[in-house]
Amino acid sequence: MNTRQPLTRTDWIETAFDLLARQGAKAVRVDLLCKALGVTKGSFYWHFDDLAALKAAMIAQWRRAAARDLIDTATRTQLSPRDLVVGLFKDVQQRHANGGSLAETALRQWSSADPVVQKLVRDADNERLAFLTTQIRAAGITGRAARSRAAFLYAALIGMEQIAGEPALTPADTEGVIDAILSGGESTTSV
């Protein structure tokens, strides 16, 4: 008697992300997914119309987790703008410690070869950048300096996700960088 639980869409998506992270976008194929899950192709087609539908579901899940859920969680709290930004960085560092950043790195590589994925990644990046800009403005930095500093922080955040061995910044270093970005008021240079 088979006591194995039936697979869900989430099982397929998580397995696809695992293959993406370990072997790249070319490994996200129906045959390799079925082999990894120990099932037939019929099971895949029960959950998805085709591979494009799975990829769309992967992107939707990543975008939700990478931008919307993260921002929603951060803004539900009554934290200062500084603490919201620190929390965002800590979340990224925690995902890095658990190997979660590998999927994001692979997804960004995938986006360089797939215009649909590229647009969705860019949309998520814009959501994150808008969140950071809002927090920097709330901390008292105005004008173009707010956007520039947000872009710098976001570049550091993405960079942390891309480094595969150890975090680029320790938690203590992260807070120091954030404090430096949030202090100093308006920039005197015009761009």
N, C-alpha and C. Protein backbone atom coordinates (compact mmCIF):
# COMPACT_ATOMS: atom_id res chain seq x y z
N MET A 1 0.85 -1.18 0.00
CA MET A 1 0.00 0.00 0.00
C MET A 1 0.90 1.25 0.00
N ASN A 2 0.59 2.19 -0.87
CA ASN A 2 1.36 3.43 -0.97
C ASN A 2 0.84 4.44 0.03
N THR A 3 1.69 4.84 0.97
CA THR A 3 1.27 5.81 1.99
C THR A 3 1.78 7.22 1.66
N ARG A 4 2.34 7.39 0.50
CA ARG A 4 2.87 8.68 0.10
C ARG A 4 1.72 9.65 -0.15
N GLN A 5 1.89 10.88 0.35
CA GLN A 5 0.89 11.92 0.14
C GLN A 5 0.91 12.35 -1.33
N PRO A 6 -0.25 12.68 -1.87
CA PRO A 6 -0.28 13.18 -3.26
C PRO A 6 0.52 14.48 -3.37
N LEU A 7 1.15 14.66 -4.51
CA LEU A 7 1.91 15.88 -4.74
C LEU A 7 0.97 17.07 -4.92
N THR A 8 1.46 18.23 -4.53
CA THR A 8 0.72 19.47 -4.71
C THR A 8 1.47 20.35 -5.71
N ARG A 9 0.83 21.42 -6.15
CA ARG A 9 1.50 22.39 -7.02
C ARG A 9 2.76 22.93 -6.31
N THR A 10 2.63 23.14 -5.02
CA THR A 10 3.77 23.66 -4.24
C THR A 10 4.94 22.69 -4.29
N ASP A 11 4.69 21.39 -4.20
CA ASP A 11 5.76 20.40 -4.30
C ASP A 11 6.51 20.54 -5.62
N TRP A 12 5.76 20.69 -6.70
CA TRP A 12 6.37 20.85 -8.02
C TRP A 12 7.19 22.14 -8.10
N ILE A 13 6.62 23.23 -7.58
CA ILE A 13 7.31 24.52 -7.63
C ILE A 13 8.60 24.47 -6.81
N GLU A 14 8.53 23.91 -5.60
CA GLU A 14 9.72 23.82 -4.76
C GLU A 14 10.80 22.95 -5.39
N THR A 15 10.39 21.86 -6.00
CA THR A 15 11.36 20.99 -6.68
C THR A 15 11.97 21.71 -7.87
N ALA A 16 11.17 22.46 -8.59
CA ALA A 16 11.68 23.22 -9.73
C ALA A 16 12.70 24.26 -9.26
N PHE A 17 12.41 24.93 -8.14
CA PHE A 17 13.38 25.89 -7.60
C PHE A 17 14.65 25.20 -7.16
N ASP A 18 14.52 24.01 -6.59
CA ASP A 18 15.71 23.26 -6.18
C ASP A 18 16.58 22.93 -7.40
N LEU A 19 15.94 22.45 -8.47
CA LEU A 19 16.69 22.15 -9.69
C LEU A 19 17.30 23.43 -10.28
N LEU A 20 16.54 24.51 -10.28
CA LEU A 20 17.03 25.79 -10.78
C LEU A 20 18.27 26.23 -10.01
N ALA A 21 18.20 26.14 -8.69
CA ALA A 21 19.31 26.58 -7.84
C ALA A 21 20.54 25.70 -8.01
N ARG A 22 20.34 24.41 -8.14
CA ARG A 22 21.48 23.49 -8.21
C ARG A 22 22.06 23.32 -9.61
N GLN A 23 21.17 23.41 -10.64
CA GLN A 23 21.64 23.06 -11.99
C GLN A 23 21.35 24.12 -13.04
N GLY A 24 20.64 25.18 -12.69
CA GLY A 24 20.35 26.24 -13.65
C GLY A 24 19.02 26.05 -14.36
N ALA A 25 18.67 27.05 -15.16
CA ALA A 25 17.36 27.09 -15.82
C ALA A 25 17.13 25.91 -16.76
N LYS A 26 18.18 25.41 -17.38
CA LYS A 26 18.02 24.29 -18.31
C LYS A 26 17.58 23.01 -17.62
N ALA A 27 17.72 22.94 -16.31
CA ALA A 27 17.33 21.75 -15.55
C ALA A 27 15.85 21.76 -15.20
N VAL A 28 15.18 22.88 -15.41
CA VAL A 28 13.74 22.95 -15.12
C VAL A 28 13.02 22.38 -16.34
N ARG A 29 12.94 21.05 -16.35
CA ARG A 29 12.30 20.30 -17.43
C ARG A 29 11.38 19.27 -16.81
N VAL A 30 10.33 18.92 -17.53
CA VAL A 30 9.35 17.97 -17.01
C VAL A 30 10.00 16.64 -16.66
N ASP A 31 10.84 16.11 -17.53
CA ASP A 31 11.44 14.80 -17.26
C ASP A 31 12.32 14.82 -16.01
N LEU A 32 13.09 15.89 -15.84
CA LEU A 32 13.95 15.96 -14.65
C LEU A 32 13.15 16.19 -13.37
N LEU A 33 12.08 16.96 -13.47
CA LEU A 33 11.20 17.16 -12.31
C LEU A 33 10.56 15.84 -11.90
N CYS A 34 10.06 15.09 -12.89
CA CYS A 34 9.42 13.81 -12.59
C CYS A 34 10.42 12.83 -11.96
N LYS A 35 11.63 12.82 -12.49
CA LYS A 35 12.66 11.95 -11.93
C LYS A 35 12.96 12.34 -10.48
N ALA A 36 13.09 13.65 -10.22
CA ALA A 36 13.40 14.12 -8.86
C ALA A 36 12.28 13.77 -7.89
N LEU A 37 11.05 13.79 -8.36
CA LEU A 37 9.90 13.51 -7.48
C LEU A 37 9.48 12.03 -7.52
N GLY A 38 10.06 11.26 -8.42
CA GLY A 38 9.74 9.83 -8.50
C GLY A 38 8.32 9.56 -8.99
N VAL A 39 7.87 10.36 -9.97
CA VAL A 39 6.52 10.20 -10.52
C VAL A 39 6.57 10.24 -12.04
N THR A 40 5.42 9.99 -12.65
CA THR A 40 5.32 10.03 -14.11
C THR A 40 4.93 11.42 -14.58
N LYS A 41 5.05 11.63 -15.89
CA LYS A 41 4.69 12.92 -16.47
C LYS A 41 3.20 13.23 -16.29
N GLY A 42 2.40 12.22 -16.17
CA GLY A 42 0.97 12.44 -15.97
C GLY A 42 0.70 13.26 -14.71
N SER A 43 1.49 13.03 -13.69
CA SER A 43 1.34 13.78 -12.44
C SER A 43 1.64 15.27 -12.68
N PHE A 44 2.68 15.52 -13.47
CA PHE A 44 3.00 16.92 -13.78
C PHE A 44 1.82 17.59 -14.48
N TYR A 45 1.30 16.94 -15.50
CA TYR A 45 0.23 17.54 -16.30
C TYR A 45 -1.10 17.58 -15.55
N TRP A 46 -1.19 16.90 -14.45
CA TRP A 46 -2.37 17.03 -13.58
C TRP A 46 -2.36 18.41 -12.91
N HIS A 47 -1.16 18.89 -12.60
CA HIS A 47 -1.02 20.15 -11.88
C HIS A 47 -0.79 21.36 -12.78
N PHE A 48 -0.16 21.15 -13.94
CA PHE A 48 0.19 22.26 -14.83
C PHE A 48 -0.15 21.90 -16.27
N ASP A 49 -0.61 22.90 -17.03
CA ASP A 49 -0.91 22.66 -18.44
C ASP A 49 0.35 22.35 -19.24
N ASP A 50 1.42 23.03 -18.88
CA ASP A 50 2.68 22.85 -19.59
C ASP A 50 3.81 23.44 -18.74
N LEU A 51 5.01 23.35 -19.27
CA LEU A 51 6.19 23.85 -18.54
C LEU A 51 6.12 25.36 -18.35
N ALA A 52 5.56 26.06 -19.32
CA ALA A 52 5.42 27.53 -19.20
C ALA A 52 4.54 27.88 -18.00
N ALA A 53 3.51 27.10 -17.75
CA ALA A 53 2.63 27.36 -16.60
C ALA A 53 3.38 27.15 -15.28
N LEU A 54 4.23 26.13 -15.23
CA LEU A 54 5.05 25.92 -14.03
C LEU A 54 6.00 27.09 -13.82
N LYS A 55 6.65 27.52 -14.88
CA LYS A 55 7.60 28.63 -14.77
C LYS A 55 6.88 29.90 -14.31
N ALA A 56 5.69 30.14 -14.82
CA ALA A 56 4.91 31.31 -14.40
C ALA A 56 4.58 31.20 -12.91
N ALA A 57 4.23 30.01 -12.46
CA ALA A 57 3.93 29.80 -11.04
C ALA A 57 5.17 30.00 -10.18
N MET A 58 6.32 29.57 -10.68
CA MET A 58 7.58 29.78 -9.95
C MET A 58 7.85 31.28 -9.77
N ILE A 59 7.71 32.02 -10.85
CA ILE A 59 7.98 33.45 -10.81
C ILE A 59 6.99 34.14 -9.87
N ALA A 60 5.73 33.76 -9.95
CA ALA A 60 4.72 34.38 -9.07
C ALA A 60 5.05 34.11 -7.61
N GLN A 61 5.44 32.89 -7.30
CA GLN A 61 5.78 32.56 -5.91
C GLN A 61 7.02 33.33 -5.45
N TRP A 62 8.04 33.39 -6.31
CA TRP A 62 9.25 34.13 -5.95
C TRP A 62 8.93 35.60 -5.72
N ARG A 63 8.15 36.17 -6.63
CA ARG A 63 7.84 37.60 -6.50
C ARG A 63 7.07 37.88 -5.21
N ARG A 64 6.15 37.01 -4.88
CA ARG A 64 5.39 37.16 -3.64
C ARG A 64 6.33 37.12 -2.44
N ALA A 65 7.21 36.15 -2.42
CA ALA A 65 8.13 36.01 -1.29
C ALA A 65 9.22 37.07 -1.29
N ALA A 66 9.73 37.42 -2.46
CA ALA A 66 10.87 38.34 -2.56
C ALA A 66 10.48 39.79 -2.36
N ALA A 67 9.25 40.13 -2.62
CA ALA A 67 8.87 41.54 -2.51
C ALA A 67 7.61 41.72 -1.67
N ARG A 68 6.51 41.23 -2.14
CA ARG A 68 5.24 41.57 -1.50
C ARG A 68 5.12 41.06 -0.06
N ASP A 69 5.38 39.79 0.18
CA ASP A 69 5.26 39.26 1.54
C ASP A 69 6.25 39.92 2.47
N LEU A 70 7.47 40.11 1.99
CA LEU A 70 8.51 40.73 2.78
C LEU A 70 8.12 42.15 3.18
N ILE A 71 7.63 42.92 2.23
CA ILE A 71 7.24 44.30 2.48
C ILE A 71 6.00 44.35 3.37
N ASP A 72 5.03 43.49 3.09
CA ASP A 72 3.82 43.44 3.93
C ASP A 72 4.16 43.13 5.38
N THR A 73 5.04 42.16 5.59
CA THR A 73 5.45 41.80 6.94
C THR A 73 6.14 42.98 7.62
N ALA A 74 7.04 43.62 6.89
CA ALA A 74 7.80 44.74 7.47
C ALA A 74 6.88 45.91 7.83
N THR A 75 5.91 46.20 6.99
CA THR A 75 5.09 47.38 7.23
C THR A 75 3.96 47.14 8.22
N ARG A 76 3.69 45.90 8.56
CA ARG A 76 2.67 45.63 9.59
C ARG A 76 3.16 45.94 10.99
N THR A 77 4.43 46.11 11.13
CA THR A 77 5.01 46.40 12.43
C THR A 77 5.10 47.91 12.63
N GLN A 78 5.26 48.32 13.84
CA GLN A 78 5.40 49.74 14.16
C GLN A 78 6.87 50.08 14.37
N LEU A 79 7.68 49.77 13.40
CA LEU A 79 9.11 50.00 13.51
C LEU A 79 9.49 51.31 12.84
N SER A 80 10.62 51.84 13.24
CA SER A 80 11.17 53.03 12.60
C SER A 80 11.63 52.66 11.19
N PRO A 81 11.77 53.65 10.31
CA PRO A 81 12.29 53.35 8.98
C PRO A 81 13.63 52.61 9.04
N ARG A 82 14.52 53.02 9.95
CA ARG A 82 15.81 52.37 10.09
C ARG A 82 15.63 50.89 10.42
N ASP A 83 14.76 50.61 11.40
CA ASP A 83 14.57 49.23 11.82
C ASP A 83 13.90 48.39 10.73
N LEU A 84 13.04 49.02 9.91
CA LEU A 84 12.44 48.29 8.79
C LEU A 84 13.52 47.89 7.77
N VAL A 85 14.43 48.80 7.48
CA VAL A 85 15.50 48.50 6.53
C VAL A 85 16.45 47.45 7.12
N VAL A 86 16.80 47.58 8.38
CA VAL A 86 17.65 46.58 9.03
C VAL A 86 16.96 45.22 8.98
N GLY A 87 15.66 45.20 9.24
CA GLY A 87 14.91 43.94 9.19
C GLY A 87 14.93 43.31 7.81
N LEU A 88 14.83 44.13 6.77
CA LEU A 88 14.90 43.63 5.41
C LEU A 88 16.25 42.97 5.14
N PHE A 89 17.32 43.63 5.56
CA PHE A 89 18.66 43.07 5.37
C PHE A 89 18.83 41.79 6.18
N LYS A 90 18.34 41.77 7.41
CA LYS A 90 18.45 40.56 8.23
C LYS A 90 17.71 39.39 7.59
N ASP A 91 16.55 39.69 7.01
CA ASP A 91 15.79 38.64 6.34
C ASP A 91 16.60 38.05 5.19
N VAL A 92 17.21 38.91 4.41
CA VAL A 92 18.03 38.44 3.29
C VAL A 92 19.21 37.62 3.80
N GLN A 93 19.86 38.09 4.87
CA GLN A 93 20.98 37.34 5.43
C GLN A 93 20.52 35.99 5.96
N GLN A 94 19.36 35.93 6.57
CA GLN A 94 18.83 34.67 7.08
C GLN A 94 18.55 33.71 5.93
N ARG A 95 17.94 34.22 4.85
CA ARG A 95 17.69 33.36 3.69
C ARG A 95 19.01 32.86 3.14
N HIS A 96 20.04 33.72 3.14
CA HIS A 96 21.35 33.32 2.64
C HIS A 96 21.92 32.19 3.49
N ALA A 97 21.80 32.31 4.80
CA ALA A 97 22.33 31.29 5.70
C ALA A 97 21.65 29.95 5.48
N ASN A 98 20.39 29.97 5.05
CA ASN A 98 19.65 28.73 4.81
C ASN A 98 19.72 28.26 3.37
N GLY A 99 20.56 28.89 2.55
CA GLY A 99 20.71 28.47 1.16
C GLY A 99 19.65 29.01 0.23
N GLY A 100 18.73 29.83 0.71
CA GLY A 100 17.65 30.34 -0.12
C GLY A 100 18.09 31.31 -1.19
N SER A 101 19.22 31.94 -1.00
CA SER A 101 19.66 32.92 -1.99
C SER A 101 20.11 32.25 -3.28
N LEU A 102 20.43 30.96 -3.24
CA LEU A 102 20.86 30.28 -4.45
C LEU A 102 19.76 30.31 -5.51
N ALA A 103 18.51 30.15 -5.08
CA ALA A 103 17.40 30.18 -6.03
C ALA A 103 17.27 31.57 -6.64
N GLU A 104 17.44 32.61 -5.82
CA GLU A 104 17.34 33.96 -6.36
C GLU A 104 18.49 34.24 -7.33
N THR A 105 19.68 33.81 -7.01
CA THR A 105 20.81 33.98 -7.91
C THR A 105 20.54 33.29 -9.23
N ALA A 106 20.05 32.05 -9.17
CA ALA A 106 19.74 31.30 -10.39
C ALA A 106 18.60 31.96 -11.17
N LEU A 107 17.63 32.49 -10.45
CA LEU A 107 16.51 33.18 -11.10
C LEU A 107 17.00 34.42 -11.84
N ARG A 108 17.90 35.16 -11.24
CA ARG A 108 18.46 36.34 -11.90
C ARG A 108 19.27 35.95 -13.14
N GLN A 109 19.98 34.84 -13.06
CA GLN A 109 20.70 34.36 -14.24
C GLN A 109 19.72 33.95 -15.33
N TRP A 110 18.65 33.28 -14.94
CA TRP A 110 17.60 32.86 -15.87
C TRP A 110 17.01 34.10 -16.55
N SER A 111 16.82 35.16 -15.79
CA SER A 111 16.20 36.37 -16.35
C SER A 111 17.05 37.01 -17.43
N SER A 112 18.35 36.76 -17.41
CA SER A 112 19.21 37.34 -18.44
C SER A 112 18.97 36.71 -19.81
N ALA A 113 18.35 35.54 -19.83
CA ALA A 113 18.10 34.84 -21.09
C ALA A 113 16.62 34.74 -21.44
N ASP A 114 15.75 35.20 -20.55
CA ASP A 114 14.31 35.07 -20.78
C ASP A 114 13.63 36.40 -20.50
N PRO A 115 13.13 37.08 -21.54
CA PRO A 115 12.53 38.41 -21.36
C PRO A 115 11.33 38.43 -20.42
N VAL A 116 10.55 37.37 -20.38
CA VAL A 116 9.38 37.33 -19.48
C VAL A 116 9.85 37.29 -18.03
N VAL A 117 10.80 36.43 -17.75
CA VAL A 117 11.36 36.34 -16.39
C VAL A 117 12.05 37.66 -16.04
N GLN A 118 12.76 38.24 -16.99
CA GLN A 118 13.45 39.51 -16.75
C GLN A 118 12.47 40.60 -16.33
N LYS A 119 11.34 40.69 -17.00
CA LYS A 119 10.35 41.71 -16.65
C LYS A 119 9.81 41.49 -15.24
N LEU A 120 9.52 40.26 -14.90
CA LEU A 120 8.97 39.98 -13.58
C LEU A 120 10.00 40.23 -12.47
N VAL A 121 11.25 39.90 -12.73
CA VAL A 121 12.31 40.19 -11.75
C VAL A 121 12.45 41.70 -11.61
N ARG A 122 12.42 42.41 -12.73
CA ARG A 122 12.53 43.87 -12.69
C ARG A 122 11.37 44.48 -11.90
N ASP A 123 10.16 43.95 -12.09
CA ASP A 123 9.00 44.45 -11.33
C ASP A 123 9.19 44.25 -9.83
N ALA A 124 9.68 43.08 -9.44
CA ALA A 124 9.94 42.82 -8.02
C ALA A 124 11.04 43.74 -7.50
N ASP A 125 12.08 43.94 -8.30
CA ASP A 125 13.14 44.86 -7.91
C ASP A 125 12.58 46.27 -7.68
N ASN A 126 11.69 46.70 -8.57
CA ASN A 126 11.10 48.03 -8.43
C ASN A 126 10.27 48.14 -7.16
N GLU A 127 9.56 47.08 -6.80
CA GLU A 127 8.79 47.09 -5.55
C GLU A 127 9.72 47.23 -4.34
N ARG A 128 10.79 46.46 -4.32
CA ARG A 128 11.74 46.52 -3.21
C ARG A 128 12.40 47.90 -3.14
N LEU A 129 12.79 48.43 -4.31
CA LEU A 129 13.45 49.73 -4.35
C LEU A 129 12.50 50.84 -3.89
N ALA A 130 11.25 50.76 -4.29
CA ALA A 130 10.26 51.76 -3.84
C ALA A 130 10.09 51.70 -2.32
N PHE A 131 10.08 50.49 -1.77
CA PHE A 131 9.98 50.33 -0.32
C PHE A 131 11.16 50.98 0.38
N LEU A 132 12.36 50.70 -0.11
CA LEU A 132 13.56 51.29 0.50
C LEU A 132 13.55 52.81 0.37
N THR A 133 13.16 53.32 -0.78
CA THR A 133 13.09 54.77 -0.98
C THR A 133 12.12 55.40 0.01
N THR A 134 10.97 54.77 0.20
CA THR A 134 9.98 55.28 1.15
C THR A 134 10.55 55.33 2.56
N GLN A 135 11.28 54.28 2.95
CA GLN A 135 11.84 54.25 4.30
C GLN A 135 12.92 55.32 4.47
N ILE A 136 13.71 55.53 3.45
CA ILE A 136 14.76 56.55 3.53
C ILE A 136 14.14 57.94 3.61
N ARG A 137 13.08 58.16 2.85
CA ARG A 137 12.39 59.46 2.95
C ARG A 137 11.77 59.64 4.34
N ALA A 138 11.21 58.57 4.87
CA ALA A 138 10.61 58.64 6.22
C ALA A 138 11.68 58.92 7.28
N ALA A 139 12.93 58.56 6.99
CA ALA A 139 14.03 58.82 7.92
C ALA A 139 14.56 60.25 7.79
N GLY A 140 14.01 61.03 6.84
CA GLY A 140 14.38 62.43 6.73
C GLY A 140 15.26 62.80 5.55
N ILE A 141 15.60 61.85 4.72
CA ILE A 141 16.39 62.15 3.53
C ILE A 141 15.40 62.48 2.40
N THR A 142 15.60 63.58 1.73
CA THR A 142 14.63 64.00 0.72
C THR A 142 15.26 64.11 -0.66
N GLY A 143 14.42 64.42 -1.62
CA GLY A 143 14.88 64.67 -2.98
C GLY A 143 15.52 63.46 -3.62
N ARG A 144 16.42 63.76 -4.56
CA ARG A 144 17.09 62.70 -5.31
C ARG A 144 18.01 61.86 -4.43
N ALA A 145 18.45 62.45 -3.33
CA ALA A 145 19.33 61.71 -2.43
C ALA A 145 18.64 60.47 -1.87
N ALA A 146 17.33 60.57 -1.62
CA ALA A 146 16.59 59.42 -1.08
C ALA A 146 16.63 58.26 -2.07
N ARG A 147 16.38 58.54 -3.33
CA ARG A 147 16.38 57.49 -4.35
C ARG A 147 17.79 56.94 -4.57
N SER A 148 18.77 57.82 -4.58
CA SER A 148 20.16 57.37 -4.76
C SER A 148 20.61 56.47 -3.63
N ARG A 149 20.29 56.85 -2.42
CA ARG A 149 20.69 56.04 -1.27
C ARG A 149 19.93 54.71 -1.25
N ALA A 150 18.66 54.76 -1.64
CA ALA A 150 17.90 53.51 -1.72
C ALA A 150 18.51 52.58 -2.75
N ALA A 151 18.91 53.14 -3.89
CA ALA A 151 19.53 52.32 -4.94
C ALA A 151 20.84 51.71 -4.45
N PHE A 152 21.61 52.47 -3.70
CA PHE A 152 22.86 51.95 -3.15
C PHE A 152 22.59 50.82 -2.17
N LEU A 153 21.62 51.03 -1.27
CA LEU A 153 21.27 49.98 -0.31
C LEU A 153 20.76 48.73 -1.04
N TYR A 154 19.95 48.94 -2.05
CA TYR A 154 19.40 47.80 -2.77
C TYR A 154 20.51 47.04 -3.50
N ALA A 155 21.46 47.77 -4.07
CA ALA A 155 22.60 47.11 -4.72
C ALA A 155 23.37 46.26 -3.71
N ALA A 156 23.54 46.79 -2.50
CA ALA A 156 24.21 46.02 -1.45
C ALA A 156 23.40 44.78 -1.09
N LEU A 157 22.08 44.93 -1.02
CA LEU A 157 21.20 43.81 -0.69
C LEU A 157 21.29 42.71 -1.75
N ILE A 158 21.21 43.09 -3.02
CA ILE A 158 21.32 42.12 -4.10
C ILE A 158 22.72 41.49 -4.11
N GLY A 159 23.72 42.31 -3.88
CA GLY A 159 25.09 41.79 -3.83
C GLY A 159 25.26 40.73 -2.75
N MET A 160 24.63 40.98 -1.59
CA MET A 160 24.70 39.99 -0.51
C MET A 160 24.09 38.67 -0.95
N GLU A 161 23.01 38.74 -1.73
CA GLU A 161 22.36 37.52 -2.19
C GLU A 161 23.21 36.77 -3.20
N GLN A 162 24.05 37.48 -3.92
CA GLN A 162 24.84 36.87 -4.99
C GLN A 162 26.11 36.20 -4.49
N ILE A 163 26.58 36.59 -3.32
CA ILE A 163 27.82 36.00 -2.81
C ILE A 163 27.52 34.62 -2.26
N ALA A 164 28.21 33.64 -2.75
CA ALA A 164 27.87 32.25 -2.43
C ALA A 164 28.55 31.69 -1.19
N GLY A 165 29.59 32.28 -0.68
CA GLY A 165 30.29 31.65 0.44
C GLY A 165 29.85 32.14 1.79
N GLU A 166 29.88 33.42 1.98
CA GLU A 166 29.53 33.99 3.27
C GLU A 166 28.91 35.35 3.02
N PRO A 167 28.15 35.84 3.97
CA PRO A 167 27.53 37.15 3.74
C PRO A 167 28.60 38.22 3.55
N ALA A 168 28.31 39.17 2.67
CA ALA A 168 29.24 40.26 2.42
C ALA A 168 29.37 41.15 3.64
N LEU A 169 28.31 41.25 4.40
CA LEU A 169 28.30 42.08 5.60
C LEU A 169 27.81 41.25 6.77
N THR A 170 28.47 41.40 7.90
CA THR A 170 27.95 40.77 9.11
C THR A 170 26.74 41.57 9.56
N PRO A 171 25.90 41.03 10.45
CA PRO A 171 24.76 41.81 10.94
C PRO A 171 25.18 43.15 11.55
N ALA A 172 26.29 43.18 12.28
CA ALA A 172 26.76 44.44 12.86
C ALA A 172 27.21 45.41 11.78
N ASP A 173 27.92 44.90 10.77
CA ASP A 173 28.34 45.75 9.66
C ASP A 173 27.14 46.30 8.90
N THR A 174 26.13 45.46 8.73
CA THR A 174 24.92 45.88 8.01
C THR A 174 24.30 47.10 8.68
N GLU A 175 24.14 47.05 9.99
CA GLU A 175 23.54 48.18 10.69
C GLU A 175 24.39 49.43 10.55
N GLY A 176 25.70 49.29 10.56
CA GLY A 176 26.58 50.44 10.38
C GLY A 176 26.42 51.06 9.00
N VAL A 177 26.33 50.24 7.97
CA VAL A 177 26.13 50.75 6.61
C VAL A 177 24.78 51.45 6.50
N ILE A 178 23.75 50.84 7.05
CA ILE A 178 22.42 51.44 7.00
C ILE A 178 22.42 52.78 7.75
N ASP A 179 23.04 52.82 8.91
CA ASP A 179 23.11 54.08 9.66
C ASP A 179 23.84 55.15 8.86
N ALA A 180 24.91 54.78 8.18
CA ALA A 180 25.66 55.76 7.38
C ALA A 180 24.80 56.28 6.22
N ILE A 181 24.05 55.39 5.60
CA ILE A 181 23.18 55.80 4.49
C ILE A 181 22.08 56.73 4.98
N LEU A 182 21.53 56.42 6.15
CA LEU A 182 20.40 57.20 6.67
C LEU A 182 20.81 58.50 7.35
N SER A 183 22.09 58.68 7.61
CA SER A 183 22.53 59.92 8.25
C SER A 183 23.14 60.84 7.20
N GLY A 184 23.38 62.05 7.58
CA GLY A 184 24.08 62.96 6.68
C GLY A 184 23.19 63.88 5.91
N GLY A 185 21.89 63.69 5.99
CA GLY A 185 20.98 64.65 5.36
C GLY A 185 21.08 64.66 3.85
N GLU A 186 20.77 65.79 3.27
CA GLU A 186 20.69 65.98 1.82
C GLU A 186 22.07 66.00 1.19
N SER A 187 22.19 65.37 0.07
CA SER A 187 23.45 65.40 -0.68
C SER A 187 23.62 66.78 -1.33
N THR A 188 24.86 67.25 -1.38
CA THR A 188 25.11 68.56 -1.97
C THR A 188 25.48 68.46 -3.44
N THR A 189 25.72 67.24 -3.93
CA THR A 189 26.05 67.11 -5.33
C THR A 189 24.80 66.95 -6.15
N SER A 190 24.78 67.59 -7.30
CA SER A 190 23.63 67.40 -8.19
C SER A 190 23.99 66.38 -9.24
N VAL A 191 22.99 65.60 -9.59
CA VAL A 191 23.22 64.53 -10.56
C VAL A 191 22.57 64.91 -11.87
